[in-house]
Amino acid sequence: MKKLKNLLLFSAGVFLASLGYFLAIYPNRPGDTEHETFLREIGEVFGTLGIWALVIIYGRTLVKLVFGQGGLAQRLVPDQYDVSAIPPFKTLLDCLNRTHVFVGVVAIAVILLHIAMVGLHPEILFFPAVLVLVLWQGVFGFFLTWRFSPQDLKKVSYLVHAQFLTGIMIGIFSVFGHLLLDD
């Protein structure tokens, strides 16, 4: 229960800090020259696909937590143990576990395409932060799956990649960043 409290406190802290930044720059926020171009519209589609890919990725974590495959503490500071899921949901979890790597690669690709087609907007600090966090997850996920990774690197990569905290930051930063652009 203490781990859940810490997760909620972390989420509230990130939310409040983001809200403070949002309110500080909102009156003088950089304008988004909304040019309805074909590439921008395609970029918006990629953004929607990126959201759904992240929902699947982090939804897998939530399903594992709800149905007993690892505790909340494992998502924060993972241990190396495996607990079987409740039988009716084993098929769902097996499918999500098998496709996790592929969905992760798709998520990174479509988010990068979204950024390339719509624009990074580096003047709004949320967007570079989201880009760094997405690439962070991708790099450490790569080291987990690359067969030539040394065992020590795999252990560190697992601890870094399996954090739920980066997903929370990606979500909060993305929402506030897009709120700054949208009127």
Protein backbone atom coordinates (compact mmCIF):
# COMPACT_ATOMS: atom_id res chain seq x y z
CA MET A 1 0.00 0.00 0.00
CA LYS A 2 2.95 2.32 0.67
CA LYS A 3 4.15 1.83 -2.92
CA LEU A 4 0.73 2.86 -4.24
CA LYS A 5 0.81 5.93 -2.01
CA ASN A 6 4.27 6.83 -3.35
CA LEU A 7 3.06 6.36 -6.93
CA LEU A 8 0.08 8.62 -6.28
CA LEU A 9 2.30 11.22 -4.62
CA PHE A 10 4.73 11.11 -7.56
CA SER A 11 1.83 11.47 -10.02
CA ALA A 12 0.39 14.38 -8.05
CA GLY A 13 3.81 16.05 -7.87
CA VAL A 14 4.39 15.73 -11.62
CA PHE A 15 0.84 16.94 -12.28
CA LEU A 16 1.20 19.98 -10.01
CA ALA A 17 4.62 20.92 -11.40
CA SER A 18 3.26 20.56 -14.93
CA LEU A 19 0.18 22.59 -14.05
CA GLY A 20 2.44 25.32 -12.63
CA TYR A 21 4.50 25.43 -15.82
CA PHE A 22 1.31 25.37 -17.91
CA LEU A 23 -0.19 28.29 -16.01
CA ALA A 24 3.09 30.23 -16.12
CA ILE A 25 3.44 30.11 -19.90
CA TYR A 26 -0.22 29.96 -20.91
CA PRO A 27 -0.77 33.73 -21.22
CA ASN A 28 2.32 34.12 -23.42
CA ARG A 29 2.35 30.69 -25.00
CA PRO A 30 3.96 30.34 -28.39
CA GLY A 31 1.46 30.41 -31.20
CA ASP A 32 0.90 27.32 -33.29
CA THR A 33 0.53 28.41 -36.86
CA GLU A 34 -2.22 25.97 -37.74
CA HIS A 35 -1.58 25.17 -41.35
CA GLU A 36 -3.96 22.49 -42.50
CA THR A 37 -1.61 20.61 -44.76
CA PHE A 38 -1.77 17.05 -45.95
CA LEU A 39 1.35 16.10 -43.96
CA ARG A 40 -0.01 17.69 -40.80
CA GLU A 41 -3.26 15.75 -41.13
CA ILE A 42 -1.32 12.52 -41.62
CA GLY A 43 0.78 13.49 -38.59
CA GLU A 44 -2.38 13.80 -36.51
CA VAL A 45 -3.35 10.26 -37.53
CA PHE A 46 0.07 9.07 -36.40
CA GLY A 47 -0.48 10.90 -33.10
CA THR A 48 -3.73 9.02 -32.57
CA LEU A 49 -2.02 5.72 -33.40
CA GLY A 50 0.73 6.62 -30.92
CA ILE A 51 -1.83 7.20 -28.19
CA TRP A 52 -3.43 3.81 -28.84
CA ALA A 53 -0.05 2.07 -28.91
CA LEU A 54 0.81 3.61 -25.54
CA VAL A 55 -2.59 2.60 -24.18
CA ILE A 56 -1.84 -1.00 -25.18
CA ILE A 57 1.68 -0.86 -23.71
CA TYR A 58 0.65 0.61 -20.36
CA GLY A 59 -2.66 -1.26 -20.39
CA ARG A 60 -0.61 -4.46 -20.38
CA THR A 61 1.07 -3.30 -17.19
CA LEU A 62 -2.29 -2.51 -15.60
CA VAL A 63 -3.70 -5.90 -16.63
CA LYS A 64 -0.68 -7.62 -15.11
CA LEU A 65 -1.15 -5.68 -11.89
CA VAL A 66 -4.89 -6.27 -11.65
CA PHE A 67 -4.69 -9.99 -12.37
CA GLY A 68 -1.77 -10.80 -10.15
CA GLN A 69 1.21 -11.05 -12.48
CA GLY A 70 3.63 -9.00 -10.45
CA GLY A 71 2.89 -6.43 -7.82
CA LEU A 72 2.92 -2.68 -8.04
CA ALA A 73 6.33 -2.73 -6.43
CA GLN A 74 7.62 -4.80 -9.37
CA ARG A 75 6.56 -2.05 -11.78
CA LEU A 76 8.34 0.55 -9.67
CA VAL A 77 11.43 -1.45 -8.77
CA PRO A 78 11.02 -4.81 -10.51
CA ASP A 79 12.14 -8.14 -9.11
CA GLN A 80 12.81 -11.25 -11.17
CA TYR A 81 9.77 -13.39 -10.43
CA ASP A 82 6.77 -14.64 -12.37
CA VAL A 83 3.31 -15.26 -10.97
CA SER A 84 0.71 -16.94 -13.16
CA ALA A 85 -2.28 -14.90 -14.20
CA ILE A 86 -5.85 -15.91 -13.50
CA PRO A 87 -6.63 -18.58 -16.17
CA PRO A 88 -9.34 -16.71 -18.17
CA PHE A 89 -6.95 -13.81 -18.68
CA LYS A 90 -3.85 -15.88 -19.38
CA THR A 91 -4.54 -15.82 -23.11
CA LEU A 92 -4.91 -12.04 -23.07
CA LEU A 93 -1.71 -11.59 -21.08
CA ASP A 94 0.19 -14.05 -23.28
CA CYS A 95 -0.89 -12.11 -26.37
CA LEU A 96 0.06 -8.77 -24.80
CA ASN A 97 3.41 -10.16 -23.63
CA ARG A 98 4.22 -11.61 -27.07
CA THR A 99 3.33 -8.39 -28.90
CA HIS A 100 4.78 -5.95 -26.35
CA VAL A 101 8.07 -5.49 -28.20
CA PHE A 102 6.37 -4.97 -31.56
CA VAL A 103 3.79 -2.56 -30.17
CA GLY A 104 6.62 -0.66 -28.46
CA VAL A 105 8.53 -0.30 -31.73
CA VAL A 106 5.33 0.85 -33.46
CA ALA A 107 4.66 3.33 -30.65
CA ILE A 108 8.11 4.88 -30.99
CA ALA A 109 7.88 4.98 -34.78
CA VAL A 110 4.44 6.60 -34.96
CA ILE A 111 5.27 9.11 -32.20
CA LEU A 112 8.42 10.12 -34.08
CA LEU A 113 6.41 10.40 -37.30
CA HIS A 114 3.80 12.49 -35.48
CA ILE A 115 6.51 14.84 -34.22
CA ALA A 116 8.18 15.05 -37.64
CA MET A 117 4.95 15.87 -39.45
CA VAL A 118 3.29 18.15 -36.89
CA GLY A 119 6.39 19.75 -35.37
CA LEU A 120 8.37 19.40 -32.15
CA HIS A 121 7.67 22.84 -30.67
CA PRO A 122 10.87 22.96 -28.59
CA GLU A 123 9.76 26.25 -27.04
CA ILE A 124 7.24 24.25 -25.00
CA LEU A 125 9.34 22.11 -22.65
CA PHE A 126 6.74 19.36 -22.43
CA PHE A 127 7.41 18.16 -25.97
CA PRO A 128 11.19 17.69 -25.80
CA ALA A 129 10.65 15.96 -22.44
CA VAL A 130 8.15 13.53 -23.99
CA LEU A 131 10.54 12.87 -26.87
CA VAL A 132 13.39 12.10 -24.45
CA LEU A 133 11.18 9.83 -22.32
CA VAL A 134 9.89 7.90 -25.34
CA LEU A 135 13.41 7.43 -26.69
CA TRP A 136 14.60 6.50 -23.17
CA GLN A 137 12.01 3.72 -22.99
CA GLY A 138 12.92 2.57 -26.51
CA VAL A 139 16.66 2.44 -25.93
CA PHE A 140 16.40 0.46 -22.70
CA GLY A 141 13.75 -1.79 -24.23
CA PHE A 142 16.14 -2.46 -27.10
CA PHE A 143 18.90 -3.48 -24.70
CA LEU A 144 16.48 -5.93 -23.08
CA THR A 145 15.75 -7.69 -26.37
CA TRP A 146 19.16 -7.47 -28.03
CA ARG A 147 20.83 -10.83 -27.63
CA PHE A 148 24.33 -9.31 -27.45
CA SER A 149 23.57 -7.15 -24.39
CA PRO A 150 25.73 -8.03 -21.40
CA GLN A 151 23.79 -9.42 -18.43
CA ASP A 152 24.56 -6.38 -16.24
CA LEU A 153 23.22 -4.04 -18.93
CA LYS A 154 20.07 -6.16 -19.20
CA LYS A 155 19.50 -5.91 -15.45
CA VAL A 156 19.87 -2.13 -15.48
CA SER A 157 17.75 -1.86 -18.62
CA TYR A 158 15.00 -3.91 -17.01
CA LEU A 159 14.96 -1.71 -13.92
CA VAL A 160 14.80 1.44 -16.05
CA HIS A 161 12.44 0.18 -18.76
CA ALA A 162 9.88 -1.46 -16.46
CA GLN A 163 9.06 1.74 -14.62
CA PHE A 164 5.50 2.95 -14.62
CA LEU A 165 6.76 6.44 -13.72
CA THR A 166 7.91 7.28 -17.25
CA GLY A 167 4.48 6.38 -18.61
CA ILE A 168 2.88 8.72 -16.10
CA MET A 169 5.20 11.55 -17.13
CA ILE A 170 4.66 10.88 -20.85
CA GLY A 171 0.90 11.07 -20.37
CA ILE A 172 0.85 14.21 -18.21
CA PHE A 173 3.39 16.09 -20.32
CA SER A 174 1.62 15.16 -23.57
CA VAL A 175 -1.76 16.35 -22.34
CA PHE A 176 -0.50 19.68 -21.01
CA GLY A 177 1.65 20.25 -24.09
CA HIS A 178 -1.23 19.69 -26.44
CA LEU A 179 -3.48 21.91 -24.31
CA LEU A 180 -0.98 24.73 -24.84
CA LEU A 181 -1.25 24.31 -28.61
CA ASP A 182 -5.00 23.88 -28.85
CA ASP A 183 -7.43 26.70 -28.31
